[in-house]
């Protein structure tokens, strides 16, 4: 008794089982392997292939592969009894259905053979069986059926294991049967037959058409079917290129050794060495450009800070200030032209017009100076001071619209000259000059040979600029006018909290050395004959006109600041004691108020002879200050 493995129906004869399979399970459920046609009979499918796919059939026949793949629907159940044949290369599973209890499964000594990738059923005398014997079993879900020998009027179907096994290297497709393949599967299955001589089936080689993945070489036209082969092929390319590049680099290095003048970048085009050197040179150039740009910007800032950026000098700044006043309505155009004419006249004469000099009047309407007012104040007030030493009479000069922000050094020099003019040894000095005239005098001192380093710093030019001047320029100017001067450099703090007690002690000694000469008990307030001291620090300069000594021994300097307005200075003659005290308090500077890192002092000591002047000019080629301590 034979049982259908698909539907379970029991039949007696093997011929009835074949007919049952053909009619019930295969006849009306055929599918074209070359297009989407399905659910047709075998005759209809055979006619469809011979008419619709005749060109494909002819092509396959020319290649010696006449089989077409018939794909069965996946909805059919998988047979329970199959024989699996495993290839040693690809392990492709192929199942051939057979009946339980049958004598042979294939009558009359039939056997399977391979024809062009398909499977054909042959008799023992090499004749094809009838059409009824062609169908062996339906295709299970996920399996592919191969057919062959349709051109001879017969076909056989073999169930070839799940299509997921394509990853092993086989791509089962009848359309790619023309491609040669290097992999073969050997299968062997024993089929039961009626006699002992047909108990075994001769082992045949199943050559399945293969559609392998293609791996093209990125460096040549070769196409590989294996990724590992492609990798070895590409490595051979790289090895050849590396050998060629080493040879070129060796030749280049020998050429460079033979000719040292050759460029270091003369290596083969596209080499990594040339690229690295080029990038290094570009980075160096970029850094040089950035450094040059940064230095240029810093230099411009310094030029602007010190007034040598070409924005004009005293005259130009005065005119711009008055123009702004006219535009704001503070000054009428008539006043603008009048003041401009007066300014031009004063500049032409070279003498200061006195507009910036603070004039102080006392009660009886008698003209008096700042130091006289201070002497009167200390006689009446400031009983906490044990001693007070004041300089000779000095006029206070304040900044104007033409030199605001940069003219403090010139104004302090004007204060010094205003004091020297009142002393007998210095009567030969010029009258107080204007700021542009002071610039002319300093340039003349440079031309005489004084302070050549300072002249180079200012590029031999001060006129028409807003350049700051310091202690060395004041020294050169005094020497040019035959006035003996010293430059003392208090280059570092000498007390706690960055203070300079040595500076205060030296100032006290400077003013008190002539006042106490020949006196047993010096008076509490003394107005000496010493000219004021020029005090310079970073960014500003002032004039020292006196020093106080408190009961506890502490010292306090009295300073005249060009930045102080004339109205504040005139408060010294006020009848209100608190107002005068406020004005004096602004002039006082205790050690805690002077905390700059460095201070320089210019002190006048007398008049120079022509020989002494020439000596100082020679010595000023390397100008050095007296460092304290």
Foldseek 3Di string as FASTA:
>chain_A
DWADQFPGDDDDDPLVVLVCCQPPPNQQFWAFQVDGDTRHGPVVNLVCCCPVVVVLQVVCVVLFANKAWIFGDQPGADGPDWDFWQFPQLGWTWTFDAIPPDQFSAEQLWAWADTLLAIAIAHPVRDHDAASRAERHDEHHQWIWMWGDVVVVGIHTITIHGCVSCVSFARAGPSQSSDDDDDKGKGFDATGYDDPVSRGHDIYIRDGRGDADWDAAPVDGDIDRDPVVSVVVVVVVVVVVVVVQVVQVVVVVVVCVVPVPDDPLPGDPPDPVNVVVVVVVVVVVVVVVVVVVVVVVVVCVVCVLQWNNLPWALLNQVLVVVVVCCVVVNDPPVVSVVVNVVVVVQVVVQADPCPQWQWAAADVRDTDALVVLVLVLVVPDDPQFQAKFFEAGWIQGADDSRQPQACQVLRQLLRLQRLLCVDDQRVPFDHRGDPLSLQVLLLVLVVVQFQVVVCVVSVSHDHTTSGHDDDSSSCSSCLSRQWDKAKEKAQADDDPPQFNVVVQVVVCCVRVVVQCPPPPDGDRYYYGHFGWKWKDDPSHIWTFGMKTAGPVGFIKTFTRGSNDHSVLSNQSNDPDSVSNVVSRVVRIDGRVNDRGGMMMMMGTDGGHDPVRSVVNSVVSHPDDHHYDD
